[in-house]
Amino acid sequence: MLHTLDQIKSLRSKYHLNQKQLADLAGVSQSLIAKIEAGKVDPSFSKAKQILDALDRLHEEKEIKAKEIMSTKIIFAQAQEPLKEVVKTMKHKAISQVPVLDKEKVVGIISETTILEKVAEHPERMHSFKAKDVIDAVPPIVSLNTGMKTLLHLLQEFPIVLVAEKGDIKGIISKTDLLGKME
């Protein structure tokens, strides 16, 4: 995140730090922090960078992570599963998208939109579709420690994000999950 010198005091307060604590984190003197905040000095580029980098590190540490947002109750569809069964599950569980597995590997996602598009294209085949016939691209898969800023960007483009640890899917994040964590 790109911060400016005039934000130092407000960011320091946001992270509940006194001037000495920020100075220690940034490797500068407390008096330099005080002078910058009072507008009495323009620090050198290297000192300003040290202070702003320290604030960026704090921001990343404090940022909400995927593991804090994700739902661990993931409903998967199997690639060979009849579409009508997938739709029944989606209705019963009140969900609008389902990741699809083939041999324990995520191969795509089924959403209400992909179902409607496929059925509109081929209404005569509606009862013979399998899950694999109506999948969209694999949703993004992120680590447990992916930050909220990255998740926000991903969810602008995709309906869900999957969360994995060492290749195993551990959770799912929808737009609703993310909105529920916003303050």
Protein backbone atom coordinates (compact mmCIF):
# COMPACT_ATOMS: atom_id res chain seq x y z
CA MET A 1 0.00 0.00 0.00
CA LEU A 2 1.31 3.43 -0.87
CA HIS A 3 1.32 5.81 2.10
CA THR A 4 2.56 9.38 2.31
CA LEU A 5 4.47 11.26 5.00
CA ASP A 6 1.41 13.26 6.04
CA GLN A 7 -0.32 9.97 6.97
CA ILE A 8 2.35 8.84 9.45
CA LYS A 9 0.63 10.19 12.57
CA SER A 10 -2.81 8.82 11.68
CA LEU A 11 -1.39 5.41 10.71
CA ARG A 12 0.72 5.28 13.84
CA SER A 13 -2.41 5.98 15.90
CA LYS A 14 -4.41 3.42 13.93
CA TYR A 15 -1.87 0.75 14.86
CA HIS A 16 -1.77 1.95 18.49
CA LEU A 17 1.92 2.84 18.39
CA ASN A 18 3.70 5.69 20.10
CA GLN A 19 6.46 7.56 18.30
CA LYS A 20 9.21 5.53 19.96
CA GLN A 21 7.65 2.20 18.92
CA LEU A 22 7.31 3.32 15.30
CA ALA A 23 10.86 4.69 15.34
CA ASP A 24 12.15 1.33 16.61
CA LEU A 25 10.23 -0.58 13.93
CA ALA A 26 11.54 1.74 11.23
CA GLY A 27 15.11 1.97 12.51
CA VAL A 28 15.01 5.76 12.92
CA SER A 29 15.02 8.10 15.91
CA GLN A 30 11.90 9.04 17.84
CA SER A 31 12.79 12.70 17.40
CA LEU A 32 12.73 12.29 13.61
CA ILE A 33 9.20 10.86 13.81
CA ALA A 34 8.13 13.77 16.04
CA LYS A 35 9.62 16.36 13.67
CA ILE A 36 8.01 14.76 10.61
CA GLU A 37 4.61 14.62 12.31
CA ALA A 38 4.94 18.29 13.38
CA GLY A 39 5.89 19.26 9.82
CA LYS A 40 9.23 20.67 10.97
CA VAL A 41 11.44 18.51 8.77
CA ASP A 42 11.42 16.78 5.41
CA PRO A 43 13.29 13.51 5.90
CA SER A 44 15.72 12.08 3.40
CA PHE A 45 14.29 9.62 0.90
CA SER A 46 15.90 6.66 2.65
CA LYS A 47 14.53 7.64 6.10
CA ALA A 48 11.05 8.28 4.68
CA LYS A 49 11.16 4.89 2.93
CA GLN A 50 12.16 3.14 6.18
CA ILE A 51 9.23 4.67 8.04
CA LEU A 52 6.68 4.02 5.28
CA ASP A 53 7.95 0.46 4.78
CA ALA A 54 7.48 -0.19 8.52
CA LEU A 55 3.90 1.07 8.27
CA ASP A 56 3.28 -1.12 5.20
CA ARG A 57 4.54 -4.18 7.10
CA LEU A 58 2.15 -3.37 9.95
CA HIS A 59 -0.71 -3.00 7.48
CA GLU A 60 0.01 -6.44 6.00
CA GLU A 61 0.24 -8.03 9.45
CA LYS A 62 -3.07 -6.49 10.55
CA GLU A 63 -4.91 -7.21 7.28
CA ILE A 64 -7.65 -9.83 7.53
CA LYS A 65 -6.51 -13.10 5.95
CA ALA A 66 -8.36 -15.70 3.88
CA LYS A 67 -8.29 -18.20 6.76
CA GLU A 68 -10.33 -15.73 8.87
CA ILE A 69 -12.99 -15.24 6.21
CA MET A 70 -13.36 -18.63 4.54
CA SER A 71 -16.16 -21.05 5.08
CA THR A 72 -14.89 -24.56 5.70
CA LYS A 73 -18.18 -26.17 4.68
CA ILE A 74 -17.59 -26.62 0.97
CA ILE A 75 -20.19 -28.29 -1.21
CA PHE A 76 -18.55 -29.88 -4.24
CA ALA A 77 -20.14 -31.42 -7.31
CA GLN A 78 -18.54 -34.36 -9.06
CA ALA A 79 -17.79 -34.01 -12.76
CA GLN A 80 -19.99 -37.00 -13.69
CA GLU A 81 -22.86 -36.00 -11.39
CA PRO A 82 -26.16 -35.32 -13.19
CA LEU A 83 -26.83 -31.59 -13.44
CA LYS A 84 -30.31 -32.00 -11.97
CA GLU A 85 -28.70 -33.36 -8.77
CA VAL A 86 -26.30 -30.40 -8.64
CA VAL A 87 -29.22 -27.98 -9.05
CA LYS A 88 -31.15 -29.80 -6.31
CA THR A 89 -28.15 -29.48 -3.96
CA MET A 90 -27.69 -25.79 -4.80
CA LYS A 91 -31.36 -25.08 -4.09
CA HIS A 92 -31.36 -27.12 -0.87
CA LYS A 93 -28.18 -25.47 0.44
CA ALA A 94 -29.14 -21.99 -0.87
CA ILE A 95 -25.86 -21.55 -2.74
CA SER A 96 -25.34 -20.04 -6.16
CA GLN A 97 -22.07 -21.67 -7.20
CA VAL A 98 -20.37 -25.01 -6.68
CA PRO A 99 -16.79 -26.06 -7.40
CA VAL A 100 -16.57 -29.22 -9.50
CA LEU A 101 -14.16 -32.08 -8.78
CA ASP A 102 -12.84 -34.76 -11.08
CA LYS A 103 -10.69 -37.33 -9.31
CA GLU A 104 -10.28 -35.02 -6.30
CA LYS A 105 -9.02 -32.14 -8.47
CA VAL A 106 -10.97 -28.91 -8.98
CA VAL A 107 -11.79 -28.71 -12.69
CA GLY A 108 -14.18 -25.77 -12.73
CA ILE A 109 -17.19 -24.15 -11.18
CA ILE A 110 -20.91 -24.36 -11.81
CA SER A 111 -22.92 -21.22 -11.16
CA GLU A 112 -26.54 -20.31 -11.68
CA THR A 113 -25.37 -18.26 -14.66
CA THR A 114 -23.49 -21.14 -16.33
CA ILE A 115 -26.48 -23.44 -15.84
CA LEU A 116 -28.91 -20.94 -17.38
CA GLU A 117 -26.58 -20.24 -20.31
CA LYS A 118 -26.08 -23.93 -21.11
CA VAL A 119 -29.77 -24.78 -20.79
CA ALA A 120 -30.68 -21.80 -23.00
CA GLU A 121 -28.22 -23.03 -25.67
CA HIS A 122 -29.44 -26.65 -25.58
CA PRO A 123 -32.86 -26.92 -23.85
CA GLU A 124 -33.44 -30.34 -25.38
CA ARG A 125 -30.41 -31.75 -23.48
CA MET A 126 -31.33 -30.22 -20.12
CA HIS A 127 -32.03 -33.59 -18.48
CA SER A 128 -28.91 -35.30 -19.82
CA PHE A 129 -26.31 -32.73 -18.75
CA LYS A 130 -23.60 -33.76 -16.34
CA ALA A 131 -21.81 -31.27 -14.11
CA LYS A 132 -18.77 -31.34 -16.41
CA ASP A 133 -20.96 -30.15 -19.30
CA VAL A 134 -21.77 -26.80 -17.68
CA ILE A 135 -18.59 -25.84 -15.85
CA ASP A 136 -16.86 -22.52 -16.11
CA ALA A 137 -13.14 -21.94 -15.51
CA VAL A 138 -11.46 -23.00 -12.27
CA PRO A 139 -11.85 -20.23 -9.70
CA PRO A 140 -8.71 -18.69 -8.17
CA ILE A 141 -7.08 -20.78 -5.48
CA VAL A 142 -5.21 -18.82 -2.80
CA SER A 143 -3.27 -19.61 0.36
CA LEU A 144 -4.63 -19.31 3.89
CA ASN A 145 -2.63 -16.10 4.43
CA THR A 146 -3.84 -14.21 1.37
CA GLY A 147 -4.90 -10.73 2.45
CA MET A 148 -8.26 -9.06 2.10
CA LYS A 149 -7.01 -6.57 -0.51
CA THR A 150 -6.08 -9.41 -2.88
CA LEU A 151 -9.37 -11.19 -2.16
CA LEU A 152 -11.31 -8.03 -2.99
CA HIS A 153 -9.62 -7.83 -6.38
CA LEU A 154 -10.21 -11.50 -7.14
CA LEU A 155 -13.87 -11.39 -6.16
CA GLN A 156 -14.47 -8.52 -8.54
CA GLU A 157 -13.67 -10.93 -11.36
CA PHE A 158 -14.77 -14.32 -9.99
CA PRO A 159 -17.85 -15.47 -8.04
CA ILE A 160 -15.78 -17.42 -5.49
CA VAL A 161 -12.21 -17.99 -4.38
CA LEU A 162 -10.99 -21.32 -3.05
CA VAL A 163 -8.50 -21.47 -0.20
CA ALA A 164 -5.90 -24.23 -0.16
CA GLU A 165 -3.07 -25.46 2.01
CA LYS A 166 -0.45 -27.69 0.39
CA GLY A 167 -2.79 -28.37 -2.53
CA ASP A 168 -5.77 -29.40 -0.39
CA ILE A 169 -8.86 -27.20 -0.58
CA LYS A 170 -9.59 -26.01 2.96
CA GLY A 171 -12.21 -23.34 2.39
CA ILE A 172 -14.27 -21.21 0.07
CA ILE A 173 -14.85 -17.46 0.04
CA SER A 174 -17.81 -15.87 -1.70
CA LYS A 175 -18.60 -12.20 -2.14
CA THR A 176 -21.08 -12.52 0.73
CA ASP A 177 -18.37 -13.93 3.04
CA LEU A 178 -16.08 -11.01 2.27
CA LEU A 179 -18.80 -8.38 2.70
CA GLY A 180 -19.60 -9.91 6.09
CA LYS A 181 -16.04 -9.17 7.27
CA MET A 182 -15.95 -5.55 6.17
CA GLU A 183 -16.14 -2.97 8.91
